[in-house]
């Protein structure tokens, strides 16, 4: 069921960017898209330690962008599979999900039609 999920998310991300790239930062940054693709691959291949520096690279390039906390939440989710409310990692996972939403909302406060803010909100 989850087999094609990472590819689907990445495909949607890149397709949405094809017509909105003129408005969005990350969607215009091919190098960071490559790092993002690698990070997602590492997470879904359970190579969490290898994903960490890639997430850090993205975070350093786009510190206020919601993609970094989303990647951390995704990593925590897959590390704790199945992630349930009674697991200690669940609270940390929720913190990163909420940070993702706050950063997406901040993007939308600046431009309510921001495609990246919309994607993460």
N, C-alpha and C. Protein backbone atom coordinates (compact mmCIF):
# COMPACT_ATOMS: atom_id res chain seq x y z
N UNK A 1 0.81 -1.19 0.00
CA UNK A 1 0.00 0.00 0.00
C UNK A 1 0.86 1.25 0.00
N UNK A 2 1.90 1.27 0.83
CA UNK A 2 2.76 2.44 0.93
C UNK A 2 3.88 2.42 -0.10
N UNK A 3 3.92 1.40 -0.91
CA UNK A 3 5.06 1.19 -1.81
C UNK A 3 5.29 2.38 -2.73
N UNK A 4 4.26 2.95 -3.28
CA UNK A 4 4.41 4.03 -4.24
C UNK A 4 4.15 5.41 -3.64
N UNK A 5 3.93 5.48 -2.34
CA UNK A 5 3.63 6.75 -1.70
C UNK A 5 4.74 7.78 -1.88
N UNK A 6 6.03 7.45 -1.63
CA UNK A 6 7.06 8.47 -1.79
C UNK A 6 7.15 9.00 -3.21
N UNK A 7 7.03 8.11 -4.18
CA UNK A 7 7.10 8.54 -5.57
C UNK A 7 5.91 9.42 -5.92
N UNK A 8 4.75 9.10 -5.37
CA UNK A 8 3.55 9.88 -5.64
C UNK A 8 3.68 11.28 -5.07
N UNK A 9 4.14 11.37 -3.82
CA UNK A 9 4.32 12.69 -3.20
C UNK A 9 5.32 13.51 -3.99
N UNK A 10 6.43 12.91 -4.35
CA UNK A 10 7.46 13.62 -5.10
C UNK A 10 6.93 14.05 -6.47
N UNK A 11 6.21 13.18 -7.13
CA UNK A 11 5.65 13.51 -8.44
C UNK A 11 4.67 14.67 -8.34
N UNK A 12 3.79 14.63 -7.34
CA UNK A 12 2.85 15.74 -7.15
C UNK A 12 3.60 17.04 -6.87
N UNK A 13 4.62 16.95 -6.03
CA UNK A 13 5.43 18.12 -5.68
C UNK A 13 6.05 18.72 -6.94
N UNK A 14 6.65 17.89 -7.76
CA UNK A 14 7.32 18.39 -8.97
C UNK A 14 6.33 18.86 -10.02
N UNK A 15 5.20 18.15 -10.16
CA UNK A 15 4.20 18.57 -11.15
C UNK A 15 3.56 19.89 -10.77
N UNK A 16 3.26 20.06 -9.50
CA UNK A 16 2.69 21.33 -9.05
C UNK A 16 3.68 22.45 -9.33
N UNK A 17 4.94 22.16 -9.20
CA UNK A 17 5.96 23.17 -9.43
C UNK A 17 6.13 23.52 -10.89
N UNK A 18 5.73 22.66 -11.78
CA UNK A 18 5.92 22.93 -13.21
C UNK A 18 5.19 24.18 -13.65
N UNK A 19 4.01 24.43 -13.10
CA UNK A 19 3.29 25.62 -13.52
C UNK A 19 3.34 26.76 -12.49
N UNK A 20 3.95 26.52 -11.33
CA UNK A 20 4.00 27.57 -10.33
C UNK A 20 5.42 27.98 -9.98
N UNK A 21 6.39 27.50 -10.70
CA UNK A 21 7.79 27.74 -10.34
C UNK A 21 8.14 29.21 -10.33
N UNK A 22 7.45 30.01 -11.09
CA UNK A 22 7.78 31.43 -11.11
C UNK A 22 7.46 32.12 -9.79
N UNK A 23 6.66 31.50 -8.94
CA UNK A 23 6.26 32.13 -7.69
C UNK A 23 6.94 31.51 -6.46
N UNK A 24 7.51 30.34 -6.57
CA UNK A 24 7.98 29.63 -5.40
C UNK A 24 9.49 29.47 -5.41
N UNK A 25 10.10 29.54 -4.24
CA UNK A 25 11.55 29.44 -4.13
C UNK A 25 12.07 28.02 -4.35
N UNK A 26 11.64 27.12 -3.51
CA UNK A 26 12.18 25.76 -3.53
C UNK A 26 11.90 25.07 -4.86
N UNK A 27 10.77 25.37 -5.44
CA UNK A 27 10.43 24.75 -6.72
C UNK A 27 11.34 25.21 -7.85
N UNK A 28 12.04 26.31 -7.66
CA UNK A 28 12.97 26.80 -8.68
C UNK A 28 14.40 26.34 -8.41
N UNK A 29 14.62 25.66 -7.33
CA UNK A 29 15.97 25.28 -6.91
C UNK A 29 16.19 23.79 -7.21
N UNK A 30 16.73 23.51 -8.39
CA UNK A 30 16.91 22.12 -8.83
C UNK A 30 17.87 21.36 -7.91
N UNK A 31 18.90 22.04 -7.42
CA UNK A 31 19.86 21.38 -6.54
C UNK A 31 19.19 20.91 -5.25
N UNK A 32 18.39 21.79 -4.65
CA UNK A 32 17.70 21.42 -3.41
C UNK A 32 16.63 20.36 -3.68
N UNK A 33 16.01 20.40 -4.84
CA UNK A 33 15.05 19.35 -5.19
C UNK A 33 15.74 17.99 -5.23
N UNK A 34 16.97 17.97 -5.73
CA UNK A 34 17.73 16.72 -5.74
C UNK A 34 18.03 16.23 -4.34
N UNK A 35 18.40 17.15 -3.45
CA UNK A 35 18.66 16.79 -2.05
C UNK A 35 17.37 16.30 -1.40
N UNK A 36 16.26 16.97 -1.70
CA UNK A 36 14.96 16.57 -1.17
C UNK A 36 14.60 15.15 -1.63
N UNK A 37 14.82 14.88 -2.88
CA UNK A 37 14.54 13.55 -3.43
C UNK A 37 15.38 12.49 -2.71
N UNK A 38 16.66 12.80 -2.49
CA UNK A 38 17.53 11.86 -1.78
C UNK A 38 17.06 11.64 -0.34
N UNK A 39 16.66 12.72 0.33
CA UNK A 39 16.19 12.60 1.71
C UNK A 39 14.95 11.71 1.79
N UNK A 40 14.01 11.94 0.88
CA UNK A 40 12.79 11.11 0.86
C UNK A 40 13.13 9.65 0.58
N UNK A 41 14.03 9.42 -0.36
CA UNK A 41 14.45 8.04 -0.65
C UNK A 41 15.06 7.39 0.58
N UNK A 42 15.92 8.11 1.29
CA UNK A 42 16.57 7.54 2.49
C UNK A 42 15.53 7.22 3.56
N UNK A 43 14.58 8.13 3.76
CA UNK A 43 13.55 7.90 4.77
C UNK A 43 12.74 6.65 4.44
N UNK A 44 12.29 6.54 3.21
CA UNK A 44 11.44 5.40 2.83
C UNK A 44 12.22 4.10 2.69
N UNK A 45 13.54 4.19 2.64
CA UNK A 45 14.37 2.98 2.64
C UNK A 45 14.90 2.68 4.03
N UNK A 46 14.34 3.36 5.04
CA UNK A 46 14.71 3.15 6.44
C UNK A 46 16.18 3.45 6.70
N UNK A 47 16.75 4.37 5.95
CA UNK A 47 18.13 4.82 6.15
C UNK A 47 18.08 6.18 6.85
N UNK A 48 17.58 6.17 8.08
CA UNK A 48 17.30 7.41 8.79
C UNK A 48 18.55 8.22 9.09
N UNK A 49 19.63 7.56 9.46
CA UNK A 49 20.87 8.28 9.74
C UNK A 49 21.39 8.99 8.50
N UNK A 50 21.23 8.37 7.34
CA UNK A 50 21.67 8.99 6.09
C UNK A 50 20.76 10.15 5.68
N UNK A 51 19.52 10.13 6.13
CA UNK A 51 18.57 11.21 5.80
C UNK A 51 18.86 12.47 6.60
N UNK A 52 19.38 12.33 7.81
CA UNK A 52 19.61 13.48 8.70
C UNK A 52 20.44 14.60 8.06
N UNK A 53 21.64 14.31 7.51
CA UNK A 53 22.41 15.41 6.93
C UNK A 53 21.73 16.05 5.72
N UNK A 54 20.97 15.27 4.99
CA UNK A 54 20.24 15.82 3.84
C UNK A 54 19.15 16.78 4.30
N UNK A 55 18.45 16.40 5.36
CA UNK A 55 17.43 17.29 5.94
C UNK A 55 18.11 18.56 6.46
N UNK A 56 19.26 18.40 7.08
CA UNK A 56 20.01 19.56 7.58
C UNK A 56 20.43 20.50 6.46
N UNK A 57 20.81 19.95 5.32
CA UNK A 57 21.18 20.77 4.17
C UNK A 57 19.98 21.59 3.70
N UNK A 58 18.84 20.95 3.60
CA UNK A 58 17.62 21.66 3.18
C UNK A 58 17.26 22.73 4.20
N UNK A 59 17.34 22.39 5.49
CA UNK A 59 17.01 23.34 6.55
C UNK A 59 17.93 24.56 6.51
N UNK A 60 19.21 24.34 6.22
CA UNK A 60 20.14 25.47 6.18
C UNK A 60 19.89 26.37 4.97
N UNK A 61 19.41 25.80 3.89
CA UNK A 61 19.12 26.60 2.69
C UNK A 61 17.79 27.34 2.81
N UNK A 62 16.81 26.71 3.46
CA UNK A 62 15.47 27.28 3.58
C UNK A 62 14.99 27.15 5.03
N UNK A 63 15.55 27.94 5.94
CA UNK A 63 15.25 27.75 7.37
C UNK A 63 13.80 28.00 7.76
N UNK A 64 13.07 28.82 7.03
CA UNK A 64 11.68 29.10 7.38
C UNK A 64 10.68 28.34 6.52
N UNK A 65 11.18 27.42 5.72
CA UNK A 65 10.32 26.66 4.81
C UNK A 65 9.75 25.44 5.53
N UNK A 66 8.50 25.10 5.29
CA UNK A 66 7.88 23.97 5.98
C UNK A 66 8.38 22.59 5.55
N UNK A 67 9.20 22.51 4.51
CA UNK A 67 9.65 21.20 4.04
C UNK A 67 10.53 20.49 5.08
N UNK A 68 11.39 21.22 5.79
CA UNK A 68 12.29 20.56 6.75
C UNK A 68 11.54 19.91 7.90
N UNK A 69 10.65 20.64 8.59
CA UNK A 69 9.93 19.95 9.67
C UNK A 69 9.03 18.83 9.15
N UNK A 70 8.53 18.97 7.92
CA UNK A 70 7.72 17.89 7.35
C UNK A 70 8.58 16.64 7.16
N UNK A 71 9.81 16.83 6.69
CA UNK A 71 10.70 15.68 6.50
C UNK A 71 11.04 15.02 7.83
N UNK A 72 11.27 15.84 8.87
CA UNK A 72 11.56 15.27 10.19
C UNK A 72 10.35 14.49 10.69
N UNK A 73 9.15 15.05 10.52
CA UNK A 73 7.93 14.34 10.94
C UNK A 73 7.79 13.03 10.18
N UNK A 74 8.06 13.07 8.90
CA UNK A 74 7.99 11.86 8.07
C UNK A 74 8.98 10.81 8.56
N UNK A 75 10.19 11.25 8.87
CA UNK A 75 11.22 10.35 9.38
C UNK A 75 10.78 9.73 10.70
N UNK A 76 10.26 10.55 11.61
CA UNK A 76 9.79 10.03 12.89
C UNK A 76 8.65 9.04 12.71
N UNK A 77 7.77 9.33 11.78
CA UNK A 77 6.65 8.44 11.51
C UNK A 77 7.15 7.07 11.07
N UNK A 78 8.08 7.07 10.12
CA UNK A 78 8.58 5.80 9.60
C UNK A 78 9.48 5.09 10.60
N UNK A 79 10.20 5.82 11.42
CA UNK A 79 11.02 5.19 12.46
C UNK A 79 10.15 4.48 13.49
N UNK A 80 9.00 5.06 13.79
CA UNK A 80 8.14 4.52 14.83
C UNK A 80 7.02 3.63 14.32
N UNK A 81 7.08 3.24 13.04
CA UNK A 81 6.00 2.46 12.45
C UNK A 81 5.67 1.25 13.31
N UNK A 82 4.46 1.03 13.67
CA UNK A 82 3.35 1.97 13.53
C UNK A 82 3.43 3.01 14.65
N UNK A 83 3.30 4.26 14.29
CA UNK A 83 3.36 5.35 15.26
C UNK A 83 1.97 5.53 15.88
N UNK A 84 1.90 5.25 17.16
CA UNK A 84 0.62 5.35 17.87
C UNK A 84 0.72 6.44 18.93
N UNK A 85 -0.43 6.90 19.37
CA UNK A 85 -0.48 7.98 20.35
C UNK A 85 0.19 7.62 21.67
N UNK A 86 0.26 6.35 22.00
CA UNK A 86 0.86 5.95 23.26
C UNK A 86 2.38 5.82 23.19
N UNK A 87 2.96 6.04 22.03
CA UNK A 87 4.42 5.97 21.90
C UNK A 87 5.03 7.33 22.24
N UNK A 88 6.20 7.33 22.89
CA UNK A 88 6.83 8.60 23.25
C UNK A 88 7.21 9.46 22.04
N UNK A 89 7.47 8.83 20.91
CA UNK A 89 7.85 9.58 19.71
C UNK A 89 6.68 10.36 19.12
N UNK A 90 5.48 10.00 19.52
CA UNK A 90 4.29 10.63 18.95
C UNK A 90 4.25 12.14 19.25
N UNK A 91 4.62 12.53 20.47
CA UNK A 91 4.61 13.95 20.84
C UNK A 91 5.61 14.73 19.99
N UNK A 92 6.78 14.17 19.77
CA UNK A 92 7.77 14.85 18.93
C UNK A 92 7.29 14.93 17.49
N UNK A 93 6.70 13.87 17.01
CA UNK A 93 6.12 13.86 15.66
C UNK A 93 5.09 14.98 15.51
N UNK A 94 4.19 15.10 16.48
CA UNK A 94 3.17 16.15 16.43
C UNK A 94 3.78 17.54 16.46
N UNK A 95 4.85 17.73 17.24
CA UNK A 95 5.52 19.04 17.28
C UNK A 95 6.00 19.43 15.89
N UNK A 96 6.58 18.49 15.17
CA UNK A 96 7.08 18.80 13.82
C UNK A 96 5.94 18.99 12.82
N UNK A 97 4.86 18.26 12.98
CA UNK A 97 3.70 18.47 12.10
C UNK A 97 3.14 19.87 12.32
N UNK A 98 3.01 20.27 13.59
CA UNK A 98 2.49 21.61 13.89
C UNK A 98 3.45 22.70 13.42
N UNK A 99 4.75 22.47 13.53
CA UNK A 99 5.72 23.44 13.02
C UNK A 99 5.59 23.57 11.51
N UNK A 100 5.39 22.46 10.83
CA UNK A 100 5.17 22.49 9.38
C UNK A 100 3.97 23.37 9.05
N UNK A 101 2.89 23.19 9.77
CA UNK A 101 1.68 23.97 9.52
C UNK A 101 1.88 25.45 9.84
N UNK A 102 2.59 25.76 10.93
CA UNK A 102 2.85 27.17 11.27
C UNK A 102 3.70 27.84 10.20
N UNK A 103 4.72 27.14 9.71
CA UNK A 103 5.56 27.73 8.68
C UNK A 103 4.81 27.88 7.36
N UNK A 104 3.94 26.93 7.05
CA UNK A 104 3.12 27.06 5.84
C UNK A 104 2.16 28.24 5.98
N UNK A 105 1.56 28.39 7.16
CA UNK A 105 0.66 29.53 7.39
C UNK A 105 1.41 30.85 7.27
N UNK A 106 2.65 30.90 7.75
CA UNK A 106 3.45 32.12 7.62
C UNK A 106 3.69 32.46 6.15
N UNK A 107 3.91 31.45 5.33
CA UNK A 107 4.08 31.68 3.90
C UNK A 107 2.79 32.22 3.30
N UNK A 108 1.67 31.66 3.72
CA UNK A 108 0.38 32.09 3.19
C UNK A 108 -0.02 33.47 3.70
N UNK A 109 0.47 33.85 4.88
CA UNK A 109 0.21 35.21 5.38
C UNK A 109 0.86 36.24 4.47
N UNK A 110 2.01 35.89 3.91
CA UNK A 110 2.72 36.79 2.99
C UNK A 110 2.08 36.79 1.61
N UNK A 111 1.61 35.62 1.17
CA UNK A 111 0.99 35.49 -0.14
C UNK A 111 0.01 34.32 -0.07
N UNK A 112 -1.26 34.64 -0.04
CA UNK A 112 -2.27 33.59 0.13
C UNK A 112 -2.34 32.61 -1.03
N UNK A 113 -1.69 32.94 -2.13
CA UNK A 113 -1.68 32.04 -3.29
C UNK A 113 -0.33 31.33 -3.45
N UNK A 114 0.51 31.41 -2.45
CA UNK A 114 1.82 30.77 -2.52
C UNK A 114 1.62 29.26 -2.70
N UNK A 115 2.11 28.69 -3.79
CA UNK A 115 1.87 27.26 -4.04
C UNK A 115 2.52 26.35 -3.01
N UNK A 116 3.70 26.72 -2.53
CA UNK A 116 4.36 25.88 -1.54
C UNK A 116 3.66 25.97 -0.20
N UNK A 117 3.25 27.17 0.18
CA UNK A 117 2.49 27.32 1.42
C UNK A 117 1.19 26.53 1.37
N UNK A 118 0.52 26.58 0.23
CA UNK A 118 -0.73 25.84 0.04
C UNK A 118 -0.50 24.34 0.12
N UNK A 119 0.57 23.86 -0.50
CA UNK A 119 0.87 22.43 -0.49
C UNK A 119 1.05 21.91 0.93
N UNK A 120 1.77 22.67 1.77
CA UNK A 120 2.08 22.21 3.12
C UNK A 120 0.98 22.52 4.13
N UNK A 121 0.07 23.42 3.78
CA UNK A 121 -1.03 23.76 4.71
C UNK A 121 -2.10 22.73 4.57
